[in-house]
PDB file of N, CA and C in Angstrom:
ATOM      1  N   MET A   1     119.201  86.179  59.095  1.00  0.00           N
ATOM      2  CA  MET A   1     119.979  85.802  58.016  1.00  0.00           C
ATOM      3  C   MET A   1     121.189  86.721  57.855  1.00  0.00           C
ATOM      4  N   LEU A   2     122.452  86.213  57.769  1.00  0.00           N
ATOM      5  CA  LEU A   2     123.452  87.054  57.664  1.00  0.00           C
ATOM      6  C   LEU A   2     123.920  87.373  56.221  1.00  0.00           C
ATOM      7  N   LEU A   3     124.103  88.591  55.814  1.00  0.00           N
ATOM      8  CA  LEU A   3     124.403  88.843  54.483  1.00  0.00           C
ATOM      9  C   LEU A   3     125.911  89.153  54.367  1.00  0.00           C
ATOM     10  N   PRO A   4     126.358  88.881  53.120  1.00  0.00           N
ATOM     11  CA  PRO A   4     127.842  88.920  52.946  1.00  0.00           C
ATOM     12  C   PRO A   4     128.167  90.508  52.827  1.00  0.00           C
ATOM     13  N   PRO A   5     129.446  90.644  53.262  1.00  0.00           N
ATOM     14  CA  PRO A   5     129.986  92.038  53.139  1.00  0.00           C
ATOM     15  C   PRO A   5     129.900  92.577  51.620  1.00  0.00           C
ATOM     16  N   VAL A   6     129.604  93.805  51.426  1.00  0.00           N
ATOM     17  CA  VAL A   6     129.473  94.351  50.141  1.00  0.00           C
ATOM     18  C   VAL A   6     130.161  95.681  50.047  1.00  0.00           C
ATOM     19  N   GLU A   7     130.912  95.882  48.936  1.00  0.00           N
ATOM     20  CA  GLU A   7     131.492  97.298  48.625  1.00  0.00           C
ATOM     21  C   GLU A   7     130.434  98.203  48.296  1.00  0.00           C
ATOM     22  N   PRO A   8     130.590  99.481  48.626  1.00  0.00           N
ATOM     23  CA  PRO A   8     129.583 100.476  48.492  1.00  0.00           C
ATOM     24  C   PRO A   8     129.098 100.608  47.020  1.00  0.00           C
ATOM     25  N   SER A   9     129.980 100.411  45.955  1.00  0.00           N
ATOM     26  CA  SER A   9     129.553 100.392  44.615  1.00  0.00           C
ATOM     27  C   SER A   9     128.683  99.206  44.244  1.00  0.00           C
ATOM     28  N   GLN A  10     128.641  98.206  44.986  1.00  0.00           N
ATOM     29  CA  GLN A  10     127.829  97.031  44.629  1.00  0.00           C
ATOM     30  C   GLN A  10     126.451  97.121  45.302  1.00  0.00           C
ATOM     31  N   TYR A  11     126.151  98.073  46.002  1.00  0.00           N
ATOM     32  CA  TYR A  11     124.710  98.049  46.696  1.00  0.00           C
ATOM     33  C   TYR A  11     123.595  98.229  45.661  1.00  0.00           C
ATOM     34  N   GLN A  12     123.867  98.785  44.436  1.00  0.00           N
ATOM     35  CA  GLN A  12     122.787  98.953  43.373  1.00  0.00           C
ATOM     36  C   GLN A  12     122.748  97.683  42.484  1.00  0.00           C
ATOM     37  N   HIS A  13     123.692  96.862  42.562  1.00  0.00           N
ATOM     38  CA  HIS A  13     123.743  95.618  41.702  1.00  0.00           C
ATOM     39  C   HIS A  13     122.476  94.790  41.915  1.00  0.00           C
ATOM     40  N   SER A  14     121.945  94.219  40.779  1.00  0.00           N
ATOM     41  CA  SER A  14     120.779  93.391  40.770  1.00  0.00           C
ATOM     42  C   SER A  14     120.744  92.221  41.769  1.00  0.00           C
ATOM     43  N   SER A  15     121.982  91.554  41.767  1.00  0.00           N
ATOM     44  CA  SER A  15     122.156  90.445  42.603  1.00  0.00           C
ATOM     45  C   SER A  15     121.898  90.880  44.219  1.00  0.00           C
ATOM     46  N   TRP A  16     122.465  91.974  44.517  1.00  0.00           N
ATOM     47  CA  TRP A  16     122.414  92.476  45.847  1.00  0.00           C
ATOM     48  C   TRP A  16     120.951  92.843  46.186  1.00  0.00           C
ATOM     49  N   ARG A  17     120.309  93.500  45.324  1.00  0.00           N
ATOM     50  CA  ARG A  17     118.876  93.829  45.568  1.00  0.00           C
ATOM     51  C   ARG A  17     117.971  92.541  45.663  1.00  0.00           C
ATOM     52  N   HIS A  18     118.250  91.531  44.821  1.00  0.00           N
ATOM     53  CA  HIS A  18     117.589  90.265  44.902  1.00  0.00           C
ATOM     54  C   HIS A  18     117.785  89.702  46.264  1.00  0.00           C
ATOM     55  N   LEU A  19     119.020  89.622  46.627  1.00  0.00           N
ATOM     56  CA  LEU A  19     119.338  89.124  48.110  1.00  0.00           C
ATOM     57  C   LEU A  19     118.523  89.837  49.200  1.00  0.00           C
ATOM     58  N   LEU A  20     118.433  91.166  49.084  1.00  0.00           N
ATOM     59  CA  LEU A  20     117.830  91.928  50.053  1.00  0.00           C
ATOM     60  C   LEU A  20     116.293  91.584  50.001  1.00  0.00           C
ATOM     61  N   ASN A  21     115.658  91.491  48.878  1.00  0.00           N
ATOM     62  CA  ASN A  21     114.282  91.201  48.633  1.00  0.00           C
ATOM     63  C   ASN A  21     113.966  89.801  49.230  1.00  0.00           C
ATOM     64  N   ALA A  22     114.876  88.831  49.024  1.00  0.00           N
ATOM     65  CA  ALA A  22     114.665  87.430  49.495  1.00  0.00           C
ATOM     66  C   ALA A  22     114.800  87.405  50.954  1.00  0.00           C
ATOM     67  N   ALA A  23     115.506  88.255  51.571  1.00  0.00           N
ATOM     68  CA  ALA A  23     115.642  88.353  53.081  1.00  0.00           C
ATOM     69  C   ALA A  23     114.483  89.306  53.676  1.00  0.00           C
ATOM     70  N   GLY A  24     113.729  89.795  52.720  1.00  0.00           N
ATOM     71  CA  GLY A  24     112.677  90.633  53.330  1.00  0.00           C
ATOM     72  C   GLY A  24     113.231  92.095  53.803  1.00  0.00           C
ATOM     73  N   ALA A  25     114.308  92.450  53.379  1.00  0.00           N
ATOM     74  CA  ALA A  25     114.915  93.691  53.803  1.00  0.00           C
ATOM     75  C   ALA A  25     114.651  94.774  52.836  1.00  0.00           C
ATOM     76  N   ILE A  26     114.661  96.027  53.333  1.00  0.00           N
ATOM     77  CA  ILE A  26     114.429  97.112  52.479  1.00  0.00           C
ATOM     78  C   ILE A  26     115.690  98.023  52.504  1.00  0.00           C
ATOM     79  N   PRO A  27     116.203  98.169  51.243  1.00  0.00           N
ATOM     80  CA  PRO A  27     117.471  99.024  51.191  1.00  0.00           C
ATOM     81  C   PRO A  27     117.228 100.463  51.626  1.00  0.00           C
ATOM     82  N   SER A  28     118.138 101.145  52.196  1.00  0.00           N
ATOM     83  CA  SER A  28     118.121 102.497  52.542  1.00  0.00           C
ATOM     84  C   SER A  28     119.318 103.270  51.843  1.00  0.00           C
ATOM     85  N   MET A  29     119.087 104.043  50.925  1.00  0.00           N
ATOM     86  CA  MET A  29     120.087 104.700  50.184  1.00  0.00           C
ATOM     87  C   MET A  29     119.843 106.158  50.337  1.00  0.00           C
ATOM     88  N   SER A  30     120.912 107.002  50.369  1.00  0.00           N
ATOM     89  CA  SER A  30     120.830 108.346  50.137  1.00  0.00           C
ATOM     90  C   SER A  30     120.684 108.821  48.894  1.00  0.00           C
ATOM     91  N   ARG A  31     120.429 110.120  48.656  1.00  0.00           N
ATOM     92  CA  ARG A  31     120.245 110.645  47.371  1.00  0.00           C
ATOM     93  C   ARG A  31     121.581 110.655  46.602  1.00  0.00           C
ATOM     94  N   LYS A  32     121.546 110.669  45.389  1.00  0.00           N
ATOM     95  CA  LYS A  32     122.760 110.657  44.469  1.00  0.00           C
ATOM     96  C   LYS A  32     123.580 111.879  44.824  1.00  0.00           C
ATOM     97  N   ALA A  33     124.779 111.649  45.055  1.00  0.00           N
ATOM     98  CA  ALA A  33     125.857 112.697  45.341  1.00  0.00           C
ATOM     99  C   ALA A  33     125.570 113.528  46.601  1.00  0.00           C
ATOM    100  N   THR A  34     124.827 112.914  47.594  1.00  0.00           N
ATOM    101  CA  THR A  34     124.444 113.578  48.860  1.00  0.00           C
ATOM    102  C   THR A  34     124.888 112.755  50.106  1.00  0.00           C
ATOM    103  N   CYS A  35     126.255 112.576  50.227  1.00  0.00           N
ATOM    104  CA  CYS A  35     126.738 111.770  51.212  1.00  0.00           C
ATOM    105  C   CYS A  35     126.399 112.197  52.673  1.00  0.00           C
ATOM    106  N   LEU A  36     126.021 113.408  52.872  1.00  0.00           N
ATOM    107  CA  LEU A  36     125.545 113.796  54.159  1.00  0.00           C
ATOM    108  C   LEU A  36     124.228 113.311  54.563  1.00  0.00           C
ATOM    109  N   ASP A  37     123.480 112.754  53.701  1.00  0.00           N
ATOM    110  CA  ASP A  37     122.116 112.154  54.193  1.00  0.00           C
ATOM    111  C   ASP A  37     122.305 111.191  55.259  1.00  0.00           C
ATOM    112  N   ASN A  38     123.325 110.443  55.268  1.00  0.00           N
ATOM    113  CA  ASN A  38     123.575 109.420  56.276  1.00  0.00           C
ATOM    114  C   ASN A  38     124.517 109.881  57.421  1.00  0.00           C
ATOM    115  N   ALA A  39     124.859 111.087  57.453  1.00  0.00           N
ATOM    116  CA  ALA A  39     125.931 111.463  58.408  1.00  0.00           C
ATOM    117  C   ALA A  39     125.515 111.146  59.874  1.00  0.00           C
ATOM    118  N   VAL A  40     124.325 111.527  60.268  1.00  0.00           N
ATOM    119  CA  VAL A  40     123.997 111.327  61.629  1.00  0.00           C
ATOM    120  C   VAL A  40     123.963 109.785  61.961  1.00  0.00           C
ATOM    121  N   ALA A  41     123.473 108.916  61.086  1.00  0.00           N
ATOM    122  CA  ALA A  41     123.557 107.494  61.489  1.00  0.00           C
ATOM    123  C   ALA A  41     124.887 107.004  61.409  1.00  0.00           C
ATOM    124  N   GLU A  42     125.651 107.360  60.525  1.00  0.00           N
ATOM    125  CA  GLU A  42     127.116 107.094  60.416  1.00  0.00           C
ATOM    126  C   GLU A  42     127.800 107.393  61.751  1.00  0.00           C
ATOM    127  N   ASN A  43     127.590 108.562  62.252  1.00  0.00           N
ATOM    128  CA  ASN A  43     128.288 109.164  63.375  1.00  0.00           C
ATOM    129  C   ASN A  43     127.806 108.299  64.630  1.00  0.00           C
ATOM    130  N   PHE A  44     126.539 108.038  64.734  1.00  0.00           N
ATOM    131  CA  PHE A  44     126.126 107.218  65.806  1.00  0.00           C
ATOM    132  C   PHE A  44     126.713 105.900  65.916  1.00  0.00           C
ATOM    133  N   PHE A  45     126.639 105.132  64.647  1.00  0.00           N
ATOM    134  CA  PHE A  45     127.055 103.702  64.609  1.00  0.00           C
ATOM    135  C   PHE A  45     128.619 103.694  64.699  1.00  0.00           C
ATOM    136  N   GLY A  46     129.276 104.720  64.305  1.00  0.00           N
ATOM    137  CA  GLY A  46     130.759 104.762  64.562  1.00  0.00           C
ATOM    138  C   GLY A  46     131.082 104.839  66.052  1.00  0.00           C
ATOM    139  N   HIS A  47     130.307 105.666  66.772  1.00  0.00           N
ATOM    140  CA  HIS A  47     130.512 105.767  68.307  1.00  0.00           C
ATOM    141  C   HIS A  47     130.123 104.432  68.925  1.00  0.00           C
ATOM    142  N   LEU A  48     128.964 103.844  68.473  1.00  0.00           N
ATOM    143  CA  LEU A  48     128.566 102.636  68.968  1.00  0.00           C
ATOM    144  C   LEU A  48     129.656 101.533  68.976  1.00  0.00           C
ATOM    145  N   LYS A  49     130.212 101.331  67.784  1.00  0.00           N
ATOM    146  CA  LYS A  49     131.332 100.382  67.473  1.00  0.00           C
ATOM    147  C   LYS A  49     132.480 100.643  68.370  1.00  0.00           C
ATOM    148  N   GLU A  50     132.923 101.948  68.368  1.00  0.00           N
ATOM    149  CA  GLU A  50     134.078 102.239  69.103  1.00  0.00           C
ATOM    150  C   GLU A  50     133.994 102.179  70.680  1.00  0.00           C
ATOM    151  N   GLU A  51     132.884 102.664  71.098  1.00  0.00           N
ATOM    152  CA  GLU A  51     132.670 102.762  72.591  1.00  0.00           C
ATOM    153  C   GLU A  51     132.139 101.493  73.130  1.00  0.00           C
ATOM    154  N   MET A  52     131.354 100.713  72.491  1.00  0.00           N
ATOM    155  CA  MET A  52     130.722  99.560  73.074  1.00  0.00           C
ATOM    156  C   MET A  52     131.143  98.250  72.365  1.00  0.00           C
ATOM    157  N   PHE A  53     130.924  98.152  71.140  1.00  0.00           N
ATOM    158  CA  PHE A  53     130.979  96.801  70.473  1.00  0.00           C
ATOM    159  C   PHE A  53     132.478  96.293  70.486  1.00  0.00           C
ATOM    160  N   HIS A  54     133.540  97.060  70.135  1.00  0.00           N
ATOM    161  CA  HIS A  54     134.791  96.672  70.099  1.00  0.00           C
ATOM    162  C   HIS A  54     135.516  96.374  71.297  1.00  0.00           C
ATOM    163  N   HIS A  55     134.863  96.788  72.417  1.00  0.00           N
ATOM    164  CA  HIS A  55     135.523  96.504  73.801  1.00  0.00           C
ATOM    165  C   HIS A  55     134.947  95.543  74.564  1.00  0.00           C
ATOM    166  N   ASP A  56     133.920  94.892  73.988  1.00  0.00           N
ATOM    167  CA  ASP A  56     133.217  93.799  74.867  1.00  0.00           C
ATOM    168  C   ASP A  56     133.093  92.560  73.958  1.00  0.00           C
ATOM    169  N   THR A  57     132.798  91.440  74.764  1.00  0.00           N
ATOM    170  CA  THR A  57     132.592  90.121  74.033  1.00  0.00           C
ATOM    171  C   THR A  57     131.185  89.691  74.468  1.00  0.00           C
ATOM    172  N   PHE A  58     130.425  89.316  73.483  1.00  0.00           N
ATOM    173  CA  PHE A  58     129.106  88.870  73.676  1.00  0.00           C
ATOM    174  C   PHE A  58     128.913  87.383  73.408  1.00  0.00           C
ATOM    175  N   THR A  59     128.210  86.655  74.398  1.00  0.00           N
ATOM    176  CA  THR A  59     128.074  85.219  74.294  1.00  0.00           C
ATOM    177  C   THR A  59     126.815  84.910  73.514  1.00  0.00           C
ATOM    178  N   SER A  60     125.833  85.768  73.318  1.00  0.00           N
ATOM    179  CA  SER A  60     124.605  85.476  72.600  1.00  0.00           C
ATOM    180  C   SER A  60     124.101  86.695  71.979  1.00  0.00           C
ATOM    181  N   ALA A  61     123.185  86.456  70.924  1.00  0.00           N
ATOM    182  CA  ALA A  61     122.552  87.605  70.254  1.00  0.00           C
ATOM    183  C   ALA A  61     121.716  88.326  71.288  1.00  0.00           C
ATOM    184  N   GLU A  62     121.106  87.671  72.247  1.00  0.00           N
ATOM    185  CA  GLU A  62     120.318  88.331  73.328  1.00  0.00           C
ATOM    186  C   GLU A  62     121.185  89.321  74.147  1.00  0.00           C
ATOM    187  N   GLU A  63     122.306  88.849  74.461  1.00  0.00           N
ATOM    188  CA  GLU A  63     123.300  89.662  75.219  1.00  0.00           C
ATOM    189  C   GLU A  63     123.729  90.951  74.418  1.00  0.00           C
ATOM    190  N   LEU A  64     123.959  90.765  73.240  1.00  0.00           N
ATOM    191  CA  LEU A  64     124.331  91.883  72.315  1.00  0.00           C
ATOM    192  C   LEU A  64     123.152  92.894  72.166  1.00  0.00           C
ATOM    193  N   THR A  65     121.951  92.227  71.952  1.00  0.00           N
ATOM    194  CA  THR A  65     120.751  93.160  71.841  1.00  0.00           C
ATOM    195  C   THR A  65     120.545  94.025  73.103  1.00  0.00           C
ATOM    196  N   THR A  66     120.654  93.308  74.241  1.00  0.00           N
ATOM    197  CA  THR A  66     120.451  94.074  75.534  1.00  0.00           C
ATOM    198  C   THR A  66     121.545  95.153  75.649  1.00  0.00           C
ATOM    199  N   ALA A  67     122.887  94.909  75.281  1.00  0.00           N
ATOM    200  CA  ALA A  67     123.886  95.875  75.375  1.00  0.00           C
ATOM    201  C   ALA A  67     123.634  97.056  74.388  1.00  0.00           C
ATOM    202  N   ILE A  68     123.091  96.722  73.106  1.00  0.00           N
ATOM    203  CA  ILE A  68     122.920  97.793  72.240  1.00  0.00           C
ATOM    204  C   ILE A  68     121.735  98.628  72.756  1.00  0.00           C
ATOM    205  N   ASP A  69     120.650  98.069  73.290  1.00  0.00           N
ATOM    206  CA  ASP A  69     119.611  98.794  73.834  1.00  0.00           C
ATOM    207  C   ASP A  69     119.944  99.733  75.011  1.00  0.00           C
ATOM    208  N   ASP A  70     120.851  99.123  75.874  1.00  0.00           N
ATOM    209  CA  ASP A  70     121.381 100.008  76.873  1.00  0.00           C
ATOM    210  C   ASP A  70     122.279 101.178  76.418  1.00  0.00           C
ATOM    211  N   TYR A  71     123.051 100.903  75.384  1.00  0.00           N
ATOM    212  CA  TYR A  71     123.837 101.964  74.856  1.00  0.00           C
ATOM    213  C   TYR A  71     122.980 103.087  74.157  1.00  0.00           C
ATOM    214  N   ILE A  72     121.895 102.644  73.436  1.00  0.00           N
ATOM    215  CA  ILE A  72     121.013 103.672  72.793  1.00  0.00           C
ATOM    216  C   ILE A  72     120.386 104.478  73.914  1.00  0.00           C
ATOM    217  N   CYS A  73     119.864 103.850  75.034  1.00  0.00           N
ATOM    218  CA  CYS A  73     119.267 104.656  76.105  1.00  0.00           C
ATOM    219  C   CYS A  73     120.293 105.562  76.688  1.00  0.00           C
ATOM    220  N   TRP A  74     121.469 105.189  76.912  1.00  0.00           N
ATOM    221  CA  TRP A  74     122.530 106.076  77.392  1.00  0.00           C
ATOM    222  C   TRP A  74     122.694 107.193  76.466  1.00  0.00           C
ATOM    223  N   TRP A  75     122.947 106.836  75.122  1.00  0.00           N
ATOM    224  CA  TRP A  75     123.112 107.853  74.185  1.00  0.00           C
ATOM    225  C   TRP A  75     122.176 108.947  74.056  1.00  0.00           C
ATOM    226  N   ASN A  76     120.852 108.447  74.182  1.00  0.00           N
ATOM    227  CA  ASN A  76     119.749 109.438  74.125  1.00  0.00           C
ATOM    228  C   ASN A  76     119.514 110.255  75.365  1.00  0.00           C
ATOM    229  N   THR A  77     119.787 109.782  76.570  1.00  0.00           N
ATOM    230  CA  THR A  77     119.436 110.464  77.747  1.00  0.00           C
ATOM    231  C   THR A  77     120.608 110.972  78.582  1.00  0.00           C
ATOM    232  N   GLU A  78     121.723 110.217  78.726  1.00  0.00           N
ATOM    233  CA  GLU A  78     122.753 110.529  79.722  1.00  0.00           C
ATOM    234  C   GLU A  78     123.966 111.220  79.109  1.00  0.00           C
ATOM    235  N   ARG A  79     124.490 110.842  77.952  1.00  0.00           N
ATOM    236  CA  ARG A  79     125.830 111.241  77.458  1.00  0.00           C
ATOM    237  C   ARG A  79     125.838 112.816  77.467  1.00  0.00           C
ATOM    238  N   ILE A  80     127.069 113.296  77.863  1.00  0.00           N
ATOM    239  CA  ILE A  80     127.146 114.750  77.824  1.00  0.00           C
ATOM    240  C   ILE A  80     127.900 115.137  76.513  1.00  0.00           C
ATOM    241  N   SER A  81     127.756 116.490  76.176  1.00  0.00           N
ATOM    242  CA  SER A  81     128.433 116.952  74.986  1.00  0.00           C
ATOM    243  C   SER A  81     128.937 118.356  75.107  1.00  0.00           C
ATOM    244  N   ILE A  82     130.121 118.664  74.705  1.00  0.00           N
ATOM    245  CA  ILE A  82     130.603 119.980  74.693  1.00  0.00           C
ATOM    246  C   ILE A  82     129.857 120.885  73.726  1.00  0.00           C
ATOM    247  N   LYS A  83     129.299 120.405  72.721  1.00  0.00           N
ATOM    248  CA  LYS A  83     128.443 121.305  71.855  1.00  0.00           C
ATOM    249  C   LYS A  83     127.147 121.593  72.662  1.00  0.00           C
ATOM    250  N   ARG A  84     126.733 120.850  73.633  1.00  0.00           N
ATOM    251  CA  ARG A  84     125.521 121.179  74.496  1.00  0.00           C
ATOM    252  C   ARG A  84     125.965 121.706  75.694  1.00  0.00           C
ATOM    253  N   LYS A  85     127.063 122.277  75.850  1.00  0.00           N
ATOM    254  CA  LYS A  85     127.589 122.991  77.022  1.00  0.00           C
ATOM    255  C   LYS A  85     127.650 122.007  78.235  1.00  0.00           C
ATOM    256  N   GLY A  86     128.040 120.657  78.018  1.00  0.00           N
ATOM    257  CA  GLY A  86     128.184 119.708  79.137  1.00  0.00           C
ATOM    258  C   GLY A  86     126.850 119.112  79.476  1.00  0.00           C
ATOM    259  N   LEU A  87     125.805 119.403  78.807  1.00  0.00           N
ATOM    260  CA  LEU A  87     124.530 118.873  79.289  1.00  0.00           C
ATOM    261  C   LEU A  87     124.211 117.488  78.499  1.00  0.00           C
ATOM    262  N   SER A  88     123.444 116.733  79.178  1.00  0.00           N
ATOM    263  CA  SER A  88     122.932 115.436  78.415  1.00  0.00           C
ATOM    264  C   SER A  88     121.856 115.958  77.440  1.00  0.00           C
ATOM    265  N   PRO A  89     121.429 115.101  76.542  1.00  0.00           N
ATOM    266  CA  PRO A  89     120.468 115.438  75.517  1.00  0.00           C
ATOM    267  C   PRO A  89     119.010 115.806  76.219  1.00  0.00           C
ATOM    268  N   VAL A  90     118.734 115.048  77.310  1.00  0.00           N
ATOM    269  CA  VAL A  90     117.539 115.252  78.066  1.00  0.00           C
ATOM    270  C   VAL A  90     117.581 116.685  78.741  1.00  0.00           C
ATOM    271  N   GLN A  91     118.789 116.996  79.416  1.00  0.00           N
ATOM    272  CA  GLN A  91     118.988 118.296  80.077  1.00  0.00           C
ATOM    273  C   GLN A  91     118.933 119.427  79.103  1.00  0.00           C
ATOM    274  N   TYR A  92     119.551 119.225  77.958  1.00  0.00           N
ATOM    275  CA  TYR A  92     119.549 120.207  76.871  1.00  0.00           C
ATOM    276  C   TYR A  92     118.150 120.519  76.333  1.00  0.00           C
ATOM    277  N   ARG A  93     117.345 119.531  75.901  1.00  0.00           N
ATOM    278  CA  ARG A  93     116.038 119.623  75.544  1.00  0.00           C
ATOM    279  C   ARG A  93     115.155 120.434  76.645  1.00  0.00           C
ATOM    280  N   ALA A  94     115.227 120.065  77.780  1.00  0.00           N
ATOM    281  CA  ALA A  94     114.483 120.645  78.927  1.00  0.00           C
ATOM    282  C   ALA A  94     114.807 122.068  79.055  1.00  0.00           C
ATOM    283  N   GLN A  95     116.166 122.402  78.882  1.00  0.00           N
ATOM    284  CA  GLN A  95     116.536 123.839  79.056  1.00  0.00           C
ATOM    285  C   GLN A  95     116.037 124.647  77.825  1.00  0.00           C
ATOM    286  N   ALA A  96     116.034 123.986  76.636  1.00  0.00           N
ATOM    287  CA  ALA A  96     115.566 124.693  75.380  1.00  0.00           C
ATOM    288  C   ALA A  96     114.051 124.922  75.599  1.00  0.00           C
ATOM    289  N   LEU A  97     113.333 123.892  75.950  1.00  0.00           N
ATOM    290  CA  LEU A  97     111.914 124.030  76.168  1.00  0.00           C
ATOM    291  C   LEU A  97     111.557 125.107  77.235  1.00  0.00           C
ATOM    292  N   ALA A  98     112.243 125.144  78.269  1.00  0.00           N
ATOM    293  CA  ALA A  98     111.990 126.206  79.317  1.00  0.00           C
ATOM    294  C   ALA A  98     112.261 127.664  78.939  1.00  0.00           C
ATOM    295  N   ALA A  99     113.070 127.804  77.961  1.00  0.00           N
ATOM    296  CA  ALA A  99     113.402 129.044  77.524  1.00  0.00           C
ATOM    297  C   ALA A  99     112.288 129.832  76.800  1.00  0.00           C
TER     298      ALA A  99
END
């Protein structure tokens, strides 16, 4: 079920909560005045949209799901980062565990 776009201030409105309940969805909200609660997720989804979603066309939901699964696998195992001294997440964790 596709849900309509909602402004951030409307997420707490009773009609929105009713729509979520009817769809069997559970809302996820950060604590009041703590915008950094979602920073990690927002960062990931920003990269996902910019690096994968906005540059490809998908002909089916299955094709999109496969592309997202592949991206998440790449994100968690292969991507390198300057903050991790050019290592992938797997290499960085292995190095940290060996120390």
